[in-house]
Amino acid sequence: MKIVKKIYKKILFVVVGFYVISIFISQQQTLNSYQKEIHQFEGQIEEAQETQDSLVAMKDNVNSPKYIEEIAREKLSMYLPNEKVYIDIGK
């Protein structure tokens, strides 16, 4: 009888050990997937921050005379009063 109890204890110990190890592996896989998500979100945050920085720089630059002149030349085909404009008719 004592031998049977010892065998049951050993079997129970092994089963509990396997259960604990399987739970640990499952939790580790879950943690790894969460880490991947964190890295993806950090990348998205960096991209959004860069976009925000460029938009803030553009907003600060919108009222500058240089920017206004650049937009007038490129988009509206406007030039300064005494400026000579050459048009290439070869193309």
PDB file of N, CA and C in Angstrom:
ATOM      1  N   MET A   1       0.816  -1.187   0.000  1.00  0.00           N
ATOM      2  CA  MET A   1       0.000   0.000   0.000  1.00  0.00           C
ATOM      3  C   MET A   1       0.859   1.250   0.000  1.00  0.00           C
ATOM      4  N   LYS A   2       1.935   1.258   0.779  1.00  0.00           N
ATOM      5  CA  LYS A   2       2.804   2.423   0.830  1.00  0.00           C
ATOM      6  C   LYS A   2       3.480   2.648  -0.518  1.00  0.00           C
ATOM      7  N   ILE A   3       3.777   1.581  -1.209  1.00  0.00           N
ATOM      8  CA  ILE A   3       4.432   1.684  -2.510  1.00  0.00           C
ATOM      9  C   ILE A   3       3.463   2.328  -3.511  1.00  0.00           C
ATOM     10  N   VAL A   4       2.210   1.954  -3.445  1.00  0.00           N
ATOM     11  CA  VAL A   4       1.199   2.508  -4.352  1.00  0.00           C
ATOM     12  C   VAL A   4       1.026   4.008  -4.076  1.00  0.00           C
ATOM     13  N   LYS A   5       1.015   4.405  -2.789  1.00  0.00           N
ATOM     14  CA  LYS A   5       0.888   5.814  -2.434  1.00  0.00           C
ATOM     15  C   LYS A   5       2.092   6.600  -2.948  1.00  0.00           C
ATOM     16  N   LYS A   6       3.274   6.037  -2.858  1.00  0.00           N
ATOM     17  CA  LYS A   6       4.480   6.714  -3.353  1.00  0.00           C
ATOM     18  C   LYS A   6       4.417   6.881  -4.871  1.00  0.00           C
ATOM     19  N   ILE A   7       3.930   5.854  -5.546  1.00  0.00           N
ATOM     20  CA  ILE A   7       3.812   5.934  -7.004  1.00  0.00           C
ATOM     21  C   ILE A   7       2.779   6.997  -7.383  1.00  0.00           C
ATOM     22  N   TYR A   8       1.644   7.028  -6.678  1.00  0.00           N
ATOM     23  CA  TYR A   8       0.627   8.041  -6.945  1.00  0.00           C
ATOM     24  C   TYR A   8       1.169   9.453  -6.694  1.00  0.00           C
ATOM     25  N   LYS A   9       1.936   9.601  -5.624  1.00  0.00           N
ATOM     26  CA  LYS A   9       2.527  10.912  -5.328  1.00  0.00           C
ATOM     27  C   LYS A   9       3.486  11.329  -6.435  1.00  0.00           C
ATOM     28  N   LYS A  10       4.294  10.393  -6.910  1.00  0.00           N
ATOM     29  CA  LYS A  10       5.240  10.704  -7.974  1.00  0.00           C
ATOM     30  C   LYS A  10       4.501  11.051  -9.261  1.00  0.00           C
ATOM     31  N   ILE A  11       3.469  10.281  -9.581  1.00  0.00           N
ATOM     32  CA  ILE A  11       2.679  10.558 -10.786  1.00  0.00           C
ATOM     33  C   ILE A  11       2.005  11.924 -10.664  1.00  0.00           C
ATOM     34  N   LEU A  12       1.428  12.200  -9.500  1.00  0.00           N
ATOM     35  CA  LEU A  12       0.789  13.485  -9.260  1.00  0.00           C
ATOM     36  C   LEU A  12       1.806  14.626  -9.381  1.00  0.00           C
ATOM     37  N   PHE A  13       2.971  14.427  -8.830  1.00  0.00           N
ATOM     38  CA  PHE A  13       4.032  15.435  -8.911  1.00  0.00           C
ATOM     39  C   PHE A  13       4.437  15.692 -10.372  1.00  0.00           C
ATOM     40  N   VAL A  14       4.571  14.631 -11.149  1.00  0.00           N
ATOM     41  CA  VAL A  14       4.941  14.766 -12.562  1.00  0.00           C
ATOM     42  C   VAL A  14       3.834  15.475 -13.335  1.00  0.00           C
ATOM     43  N   VAL A  15       2.575  15.097 -13.080  1.00  0.00           N
ATOM     44  CA  VAL A  15       1.450  15.726 -13.772  1.00  0.00           C
ATOM     45  C   VAL A  15       1.373  17.211 -13.429  1.00  0.00           C
ATOM     46  N   VAL A  16       1.505  17.531 -12.155  1.00  0.00           N
ATOM     47  CA  VAL A  16       1.471  18.942 -11.740  1.00  0.00           C
ATOM     48  C   VAL A  16       2.656  19.682 -12.356  1.00  0.00           C
ATOM     49  N   GLY A  17       3.801  19.059 -12.407  1.00  0.00           N
ATOM     50  CA  GLY A  17       4.976  19.678 -13.027  1.00  0.00           C
ATOM     51  C   GLY A  17       4.745  19.974 -14.502  1.00  0.00           C
ATOM     52  N   PHE A  18       4.197  19.006 -15.239  1.00  0.00           N
ATOM     53  CA  PHE A  18       3.891  19.234 -16.650  1.00  0.00           C
ATOM     54  C   PHE A  18       2.855  20.343 -16.820  1.00  0.00           C
ATOM     55  N   TYR A  19       1.873  20.361 -15.930  1.00  0.00           N
ATOM     56  CA  TYR A  19       0.844  21.401 -16.006  1.00  0.00           C
ATOM     57  C   TYR A  19       1.464  22.785 -15.794  1.00  0.00           C
ATOM     58  N   VAL A  20       2.310  22.904 -14.788  1.00  0.00           N
ATOM     59  CA  VAL A  20       2.960  24.188 -14.504  1.00  0.00           C
ATOM     60  C   VAL A  20       3.839  24.612 -15.682  1.00  0.00           C
ATOM     61  N   ILE A  21       4.570  23.678 -16.249  1.00  0.00           N
ATOM     62  CA  ILE A  21       5.436  23.994 -17.392  1.00  0.00           C
ATOM     63  C   ILE A  21       4.594  24.414 -18.595  1.00  0.00           C
ATOM     64  N   SER A  22       3.486  23.725 -18.846  1.00  0.00           N
ATOM     65  CA  SER A  22       2.637  24.088 -19.987  1.00  0.00           C
ATOM     66  C   SER A  22       2.023  25.469 -19.789  1.00  0.00           C
ATOM     67  N   ILE A  23       1.609  25.783 -18.566  1.00  0.00           N
ATOM     68  CA  ILE A  23       1.072  27.116 -18.275  1.00  0.00           C
ATOM     69  C   ILE A  23       2.161  28.168 -18.495  1.00  0.00           C
ATOM     70  N   PHE A  24       3.366  27.893 -18.048  1.00  0.00           N
ATOM     71  CA  PHE A  24       4.474  28.828 -18.224  1.00  0.00           C
ATOM     72  C   PHE A  24       4.746  29.076 -19.705  1.00  0.00           C
ATOM     73  N   ILE A  25       4.767  28.023 -20.503  1.00  0.00           N
ATOM     74  CA  ILE A  25       5.021  28.165 -21.942  1.00  0.00           C
ATOM     75  C   ILE A  25       3.900  28.962 -22.598  1.00  0.00           C
ATOM     76  N   SER A  26       2.669  28.687 -22.221  1.00  0.00           N
ATOM     77  CA  SER A  26       1.524  29.410 -22.782  1.00  0.00           C
ATOM     78  C   SER A  26       1.606  30.900 -22.439  1.00  0.00           C
ATOM     79  N   GLN A  27       1.928  31.201 -21.211  1.00  0.00           N
ATOM     80  CA  GLN A  27       2.040  32.597 -20.801  1.00  0.00           C
ATOM     81  C   GLN A  27       3.210  33.284 -21.501  1.00  0.00           C
ATOM     82  N   GLN A  28       4.289  32.569 -21.714  1.00  0.00           N
ATOM     83  CA  GLN A  28       5.438  33.149 -22.407  1.00  0.00           C
ATOM     84  C   GLN A  28       5.079  33.489 -23.852  1.00  0.00           C
ATOM     85  N   GLN A  29       4.318  32.612 -24.499  1.00  0.00           N
ATOM     86  CA  GLN A  29       3.882  32.887 -25.869  1.00  0.00           C
ATOM     87  C   GLN A  29       2.969  34.113 -25.905  1.00  0.00           C
ATOM     88  N   THR A  30       2.092  34.221 -24.933  1.00  0.00           N
ATOM     89  CA  THR A  30       1.207  35.385 -24.851  1.00  0.00           C
ATOM     90  C   THR A  30       2.023  36.653 -24.643  1.00  0.00           C
ATOM     91  N   LEU A  31       2.999  36.606 -23.750  1.00  0.00           N
ATOM     92  CA  LEU A  31       3.860  37.767 -23.514  1.00  0.00           C
ATOM     93  C   LEU A  31       4.627  38.153 -24.769  1.00  0.00           C
ATOM     94  N   ASN A  32       5.106  37.173 -25.513  1.00  0.00           N
ATOM     95  CA  ASN A  32       5.832  37.459 -26.746  1.00  0.00           C
ATOM     96  C   ASN A  32       4.931  38.147 -27.767  1.00  0.00           C
ATOM     97  N   SER A  33       3.687  37.690 -27.880  1.00  0.00           N
ATOM     98  CA  SER A  33       2.763  38.342 -28.822  1.00  0.00           C
ATOM     99  C   SER A  33       2.466  39.769 -28.370  1.00  0.00           C
ATOM    100  N   TYR A  34       2.349  39.993 -27.063  1.00  0.00           N
ATOM    101  CA  TYR A  34       2.134  41.348 -26.554  1.00  0.00           C
ATOM    102  C   TYR A  34       3.346  42.232 -26.837  1.00  0.00           C
ATOM    103  N   GLN A  35       4.540  41.677 -26.716  1.00  0.00           N
ATOM    104  CA  GLN A  35       5.752  42.449 -27.015  1.00  0.00           C
ATOM    105  C   GLN A  35       5.779  42.870 -28.486  1.00  0.00           C
ATOM    106  N   LYS A  36       5.370  41.971 -29.383  1.00  0.00           N
ATOM    107  CA  LYS A  36       5.306  42.317 -30.806  1.00  0.00           C
ATOM    108  C   LYS A  36       4.319  43.453 -31.039  1.00  0.00           C
ATOM    109  N   GLU A  37       3.170  43.379 -30.385  1.00  0.00           N
ATOM    110  CA  GLU A  37       2.176  44.440 -30.521  1.00  0.00           C
ATOM    111  C   GLU A  37       2.716  45.763 -29.994  1.00  0.00           C
ATOM    112  N   ILE A  38       3.437  45.709 -28.889  1.00  0.00           N
ATOM    113  CA  ILE A  38       4.019  46.925 -28.317  1.00  0.00           C
ATOM    114  C   ILE A  38       4.983  47.557 -29.311  1.00  0.00           C
ATOM    115  N   HIS A  39       5.822  46.745 -29.943  1.00  0.00           N
ATOM    116  CA  HIS A  39       6.776  47.279 -30.921  1.00  0.00           C
ATOM    117  C   HIS A  39       6.047  47.887 -32.116  1.00  0.00           C
ATOM    118  N   GLN A  40       4.968  47.251 -32.559  1.00  0.00           N
ATOM    119  CA  GLN A  40       4.194  47.803 -33.672  1.00  0.00           C
ATOM    120  C   GLN A  40       3.581  49.150 -33.287  1.00  0.00           C
ATOM    121  N   PHE A  41       3.016  49.223 -32.084  1.00  0.00           N
ATOM    122  CA  PHE A  41       2.408  50.470 -31.634  1.00  0.00           C
ATOM    123  C   PHE A  41       3.462  51.560 -31.442  1.00  0.00           C
ATOM    124  N   GLU A  42       4.641  51.187 -30.963  1.00  0.00           N
ATOM    125  CA  GLU A  42       5.709  52.174 -30.813  1.00  0.00           C
ATOM    126  C   GLU A  42       6.109  52.728 -32.174  1.00  0.00           C
ATOM    127  N   GLY A  43       6.159  51.860 -33.189  1.00  0.00           N
ATOM    128  CA  GLY A  43       6.460  52.316 -34.545  1.00  0.00           C
ATOM    129  C   GLY A  43       5.399  53.268 -35.063  1.00  0.00           C
ATOM    130  N   GLN A  44       4.143  52.954 -34.802  1.00  0.00           N
ATOM    131  CA  GLN A  44       3.050  53.829 -35.236  1.00  0.00           C
ATOM    132  C   GLN A  44       3.114  55.168 -34.508  1.00  0.00           C
ATOM    133  N   ILE A  45       3.478  55.132 -33.242  1.00  0.00           N
ATOM    134  CA  ILE A  45       3.597  56.377 -32.472  1.00  0.00           C
ATOM    135  C   ILE A  45       4.722  57.234 -33.039  1.00  0.00           C
ATOM    136  N   GLU A  46       5.851  56.608 -33.379  1.00  0.00           N
ATOM    137  CA  GLU A  46       6.964  57.360 -33.963  1.00  0.00           C
ATOM    138  C   GLU A  46       6.568  57.993 -35.291  1.00  0.00           C
ATOM    139  N   GLU A  47       5.883  57.239 -36.142  1.00  0.00           N
ATOM    140  CA  GLU A  47       5.430  57.776 -37.432  1.00  0.00           C
ATOM    141  C   GLU A  47       4.467  58.946 -37.219  1.00  0.00           C
ATOM    142  N   ALA A  48       3.548  58.791 -36.283  1.00  0.00           N
ATOM    143  CA  ALA A  48       2.589  59.857 -36.006  1.00  0.00           C
ATOM    144  C   ALA A  48       3.305  61.093 -35.450  1.00  0.00           C
ATOM    145  N   GLN A  49       4.312  60.874 -34.621  1.00  0.00           N
ATOM    146  CA  GLN A  49       5.073  61.999 -34.064  1.00  0.00           C
ATOM    147  C   GLN A  49       5.836  62.734 -35.160  1.00  0.00           C
ATOM    148  N   GLU A  50       6.434  61.976 -36.094  1.00  0.00           N
ATOM    149  CA  GLU A  50       7.144  62.604 -37.210  1.00  0.00           C
ATOM    150  C   GLU A  50       6.185  63.398 -38.092  1.00  0.00           C
ATOM    151  N   THR A  51       5.011  62.830 -38.345  1.00  0.00           N
ATOM    152  CA  THR A  51       4.007  63.534 -39.133  1.00  0.00           C
ATOM    153  C   THR A  51       3.568  64.810 -38.424  1.00  0.00           C
ATOM    154  N   GLN A  52       3.357  64.700 -37.133  1.00  0.00           N
ATOM    155  CA  GLN A  52       2.951  65.873 -36.354  1.00  0.00           C
ATOM    156  C   GLN A  52       4.040  66.942 -36.399  1.00  0.00           C
ATOM    157  N   ASP A  53       5.295  66.540 -36.244  1.00  0.00           N
ATOM    158  CA  ASP A  53       6.398  67.503 -36.284  1.00  0.00           C
ATOM    159  C   ASP A  53       6.475  68.207 -37.633  1.00  0.00           C
ATOM    160  N   SER A  54       6.311  67.431 -38.710  1.00  0.00           N
ATOM    161  CA  SER A  54       6.368  68.055 -40.039  1.00  0.00           C
ATOM    162  C   SER A  54       5.186  68.995 -40.251  1.00  0.00           C
ATOM    163  N   LEU A  55       4.009  68.632 -39.747  1.00  0.00           N
ATOM    164  CA  LEU A  55       2.845  69.505 -39.883  1.00  0.00           C
ATOM    165  C   LEU A  55       2.999  70.783 -39.058  1.00  0.00           C
ATOM    166  N   VAL A  56       3.578  70.656 -37.874  1.00  0.00           N
ATOM    167  CA  VAL A  56       3.815  71.842 -37.049  1.00  0.00           C
ATOM    168  C   VAL A  56       4.829  72.752 -37.737  1.00  0.00           C
ATOM    169  N   ALA A  57       5.882  72.165 -38.314  1.00  0.00           N
ATOM    170  CA  ALA A  57       6.874  72.968 -39.038  1.00  0.00           C
ATOM    171  C   ALA A  57       6.227  73.656 -40.234  1.00  0.00           C
ATOM    172  N   MET A  58       5.354  72.938 -40.942  1.00  0.00           N
ATOM    173  CA  MET A  58       4.667  73.534 -42.088  1.00  0.00           C
ATOM    174  C   MET A  58       3.754  74.663 -41.632  1.00  0.00           C
ATOM    175  N   LYS A  59       3.058  74.459 -40.524  1.00  0.00           N
ATOM    176  CA  LYS A  59       2.159  75.485 -39.991  1.00  0.00           C
ATOM    177  C   LYS A  59       2.937  76.744 -39.618  1.00  0.00           C
ATOM    178  N   ASP A  60       4.105  76.557 -39.000  1.00  0.00           N
ATOM    179  CA  ASP A  60       4.930  77.702 -38.632  1.00  0.00           C
ATOM    180  C   ASP A  60       5.477  78.416 -39.865  1.00  0.00           C
ATOM    181  N   ASN A  61       5.653  77.683 -40.951  1.00  0.00           N
ATOM    182  CA  ASN A  61       6.260  78.227 -42.170  1.00  0.00           C
ATOM    183  C   ASN A  61       5.238  78.868 -43.107  1.00  0.00           C
ATOM    184  N   VAL A  62       3.955  78.614 -42.901  1.00  0.00           N
ATOM    185  CA  VAL A  62       2.920  79.047 -43.845  1.00  0.00           C
ATOM    186  C   VAL A  62       2.880  80.562 -44.004  1.00  0.00           C
ATOM    187  N   ASN A  63       3.080  81.308 -42.974  1.00  0.00           N
ATOM    188  CA  ASN A  63       2.960  82.762 -43.043  1.00  0.00           C
ATOM    189  C   ASN A  63       4.276  83.465 -43.377  1.00  0.00           C
ATOM    190  N   SER A  64       5.323  82.729 -43.633  1.00  0.00           N
ATOM    191  CA  SER A  64       6.599  83.368 -43.952  1.00  0.00           C
ATOM    192  C   SER A  64       6.575  83.868 -45.395  1.00  0.00           C
ATOM    193  N   PRO A  65       7.206  84.998 -45.658  1.00  0.00           N
ATOM    194  CA  PRO A  65       7.223  85.551 -47.022  1.00  0.00           C
ATOM    195  C   PRO A  65       7.865  84.605 -48.040  1.00  0.00           C
ATOM    196  N   LYS A  66       8.881  83.890 -47.618  1.00  0.00           N
ATOM    197  CA  LYS A  66       9.553  82.964 -48.536  1.00  0.00           C
ATOM    198  C   LYS A  66       8.593  81.864 -48.992  1.00  0.00           C
ATOM    199  N   TYR A  67       7.815  81.317 -48.074  1.00  0.00           N
ATOM    200  CA  TYR A  67       6.871  80.255 -48.415  1.00  0.00           C
ATOM    201  C   TYR A  67       5.756  80.794 -49.317  1.00  0.00           C
ATOM    202  N   ILE A  68       5.274  81.972 -48.995  1.00  0.00           N
ATOM    203  CA  ILE A  68       4.215  82.578 -49.805  1.00  0.00           C
ATOM    204  C   ILE A  68       4.710  82.807 -51.227  1.00  0.00           C
ATOM    205  N   GLU A  69       5.945  83.308 -51.353  1.00  0.00           N
ATOM    206  CA  GLU A  69       6.524  83.524 -52.681  1.00  0.00           C
ATOM    207  C   GLU A  69       6.683  82.207 -53.433  1.00  0.00           C
ATOM    208  N   GLU A  70       7.135  81.190 -52.734  1.00  0.00           N
ATOM    209  CA  GLU A  70       7.317  79.872 -53.362  1.00  0.00           C
ATOM    210  C   GLU A  70       5.999  79.318 -53.890  1.00  0.00           C
ATOM    211  N   ILE A  71       4.947  79.397 -53.101  1.00  0.00           N
ATOM    212  CA  ILE A  71       3.633  78.903 -53.531  1.00  0.00           C
ATOM    213  C   ILE A  71       3.105  79.749 -54.684  1.00  0.00           C
ATOM    214  N   ALA A  72       3.294  81.070 -54.625  1.00  0.00           N
ATOM    215  CA  ALA A  72       2.823  81.938 -55.704  1.00  0.00           C
ATOM    216  C   ALA A  72       3.523  81.577 -57.016  1.00  0.00           C
ATOM    217  N   ARG A  73       4.814  81.270 -56.968  1.00  0.00           N
ATOM    218  CA  ARG A  73       5.548  80.911 -58.184  1.00  0.00           C
ATOM    219  C   ARG A  73       5.129  79.544 -58.713  1.00  0.00           C
ATOM    220  N   GLU A  74       5.102  78.544 -57.835  1.00  0.00           N
ATOM    221  CA  GLU A  74       4.882  77.164 -58.275  1.00  0.00           C
ATOM    222  C   GLU A  74       3.424  76.872 -58.639  1.00  0.00           C
ATOM    223  N   LYS A  75       2.507  77.282 -57.804  1.00  0.00           N
ATOM    224  CA  LYS A  75       1.113  76.876 -57.989  1.00  0.00           C
ATOM    225  C   LYS A  75       0.289  77.910 -58.753  1.00  0.00           C
ATOM    226  N   LEU A  76       0.641  79.198 -58.610  1.00  0.00           N
ATOM    227  CA  LEU A  76      -0.182  80.243 -59.216  1.00  0.00           C
ATOM    228  C   LEU A  76       0.504  80.911 -60.407  1.00  0.00           C
ATOM    229  N   SER A  77       1.725  80.526 -60.697  1.00  0.00           N
ATOM    230  CA  SER A  77       2.509  81.100 -61.808  1.00  0.00           C
ATOM    231  C   SER A  77       2.606  82.620 -61.707  1.00  0.00           C
ATOM    232  N   MET A  78       2.811  83.101 -60.513  1.00  0.00           N
ATOM    233  CA  MET A  78       2.975  84.539 -60.284  1.00  0.00           C
ATOM    234  C   MET A  78       4.457  84.841 -60.095  1.00  0.00           C
ATOM    235  N   TYR A  79       4.859  86.056 -60.519  1.00  0.00           N
ATOM    236  CA  TYR A  79       6.263  86.442 -60.424  1.00  0.00           C
ATOM    237  C   TYR A  79       6.350  87.872 -59.906  1.00  0.00           C
ATOM    238  N   LEU A  80       7.550  88.291 -59.504  1.00  0.00           N
ATOM    239  CA  LEU A  80       7.770  89.640 -59.013  1.00  0.00           C
ATOM    240  C   LEU A  80       7.635  90.631 -60.170  1.00  0.00           C
ATOM    241  N   PRO A  81       7.303  91.894 -59.889  1.00  0.00           N
ATOM    242  CA  PRO A  81       7.017  92.868 -60.954  1.00  0.00           C
ATOM    243  C   PRO A  81       8.164  93.055 -61.962  1.00  0.00           C
ATOM    244  N   ASN A  82       9.395  93.165 -61.543  1.00  0.00           N
ATOM    245  CA  ASN A  82      10.504  93.432 -62.464  1.00  0.00           C
ATOM    246  C   ASN A  82      11.265  92.163 -62.831  1.00  0.00           C
ATOM    247  N   GLU A  83      10.675  91.066 -62.695  1.00  0.00           N
ATOM    248  CA  GLU A  83      11.339  89.792 -62.943  1.00  0.00           C
ATOM    249  C   GLU A  83      11.068  89.339 -64.373  1.00  0.00           C
ATOM    250  N   LYS A  84      12.128  88.864 -65.043  1.00  0.00           N
ATOM    251  CA  LYS A  84      11.964  88.358 -66.403  1.00  0.00           C
ATOM    252  C   LYS A  84      11.666  86.866 -66.341  1.00  0.00           C
ATOM    253  N   VAL A  85      10.691  86.454 -67.104  1.00  0.00           N
ATOM    254  CA  VAL A  85      10.286  85.060 -67.131  1.00  0.00           C
ATOM    255  C   VAL A  85      10.573  84.514 -68.516  1.00  0.00           C
ATOM    256  N   TYR A  86      11.302  83.414 -68.565  1.00  0.00           N
ATOM    257  CA  TYR A  86      11.621  82.774 -69.829  1.00  0.00           C
ATOM    258  C   TYR A  86      10.804  81.494 -69.938  1.00  0.00           C
ATOM    259  N   ILE A  87      10.176  81.312 -71.073  1.00  0.00           N
ATOM    260  CA  ILE A  87       9.375  80.114 -71.299  1.00  0.00           C
ATOM    261  C   ILE A  87      10.053  79.293 -72.379  1.00  0.00           C
ATOM    262  N   ASP A  88      10.291  78.061 -72.101  1.00  0.00           N
ATOM    263  CA  ASP A  88      10.919  77.149 -73.059  1.00  0.00           C
ATOM    264  C   ASP A  88       9.837  76.608 -73.987  1.00  0.00           C
ATOM    265  N   ILE A  89       9.854  77.028 -75.265  1.00  0.00           N
ATOM    266  CA  ILE A  89       8.832  76.572 -76.208  1.00  0.00           C
ATOM    267  C   ILE A  89       9.299  75.359 -76.990  1.00  0.00           C
ATOM    268  N   GLY A  90      10.489  74.877 -76.676  1.00  0.00           N
ATOM    269  CA  GLY A  90      11.033  73.721 -77.385  1.00  0.00           C
ATOM    270  C   GLY A  90      10.335  72.428 -77.008  1.00  0.00           C
ATOM    271  N   LYS A  91       9.664  72.386 -75.923  1.00  0.00           N
ATOM    272  CA  LYS A  91       9.029  71.134 -75.487  1.00  0.00           C
ATOM    273  C   LYS A  91       7.576  71.140 -75.728  1.00  0.00           C
TER     274      LYS A  91
END
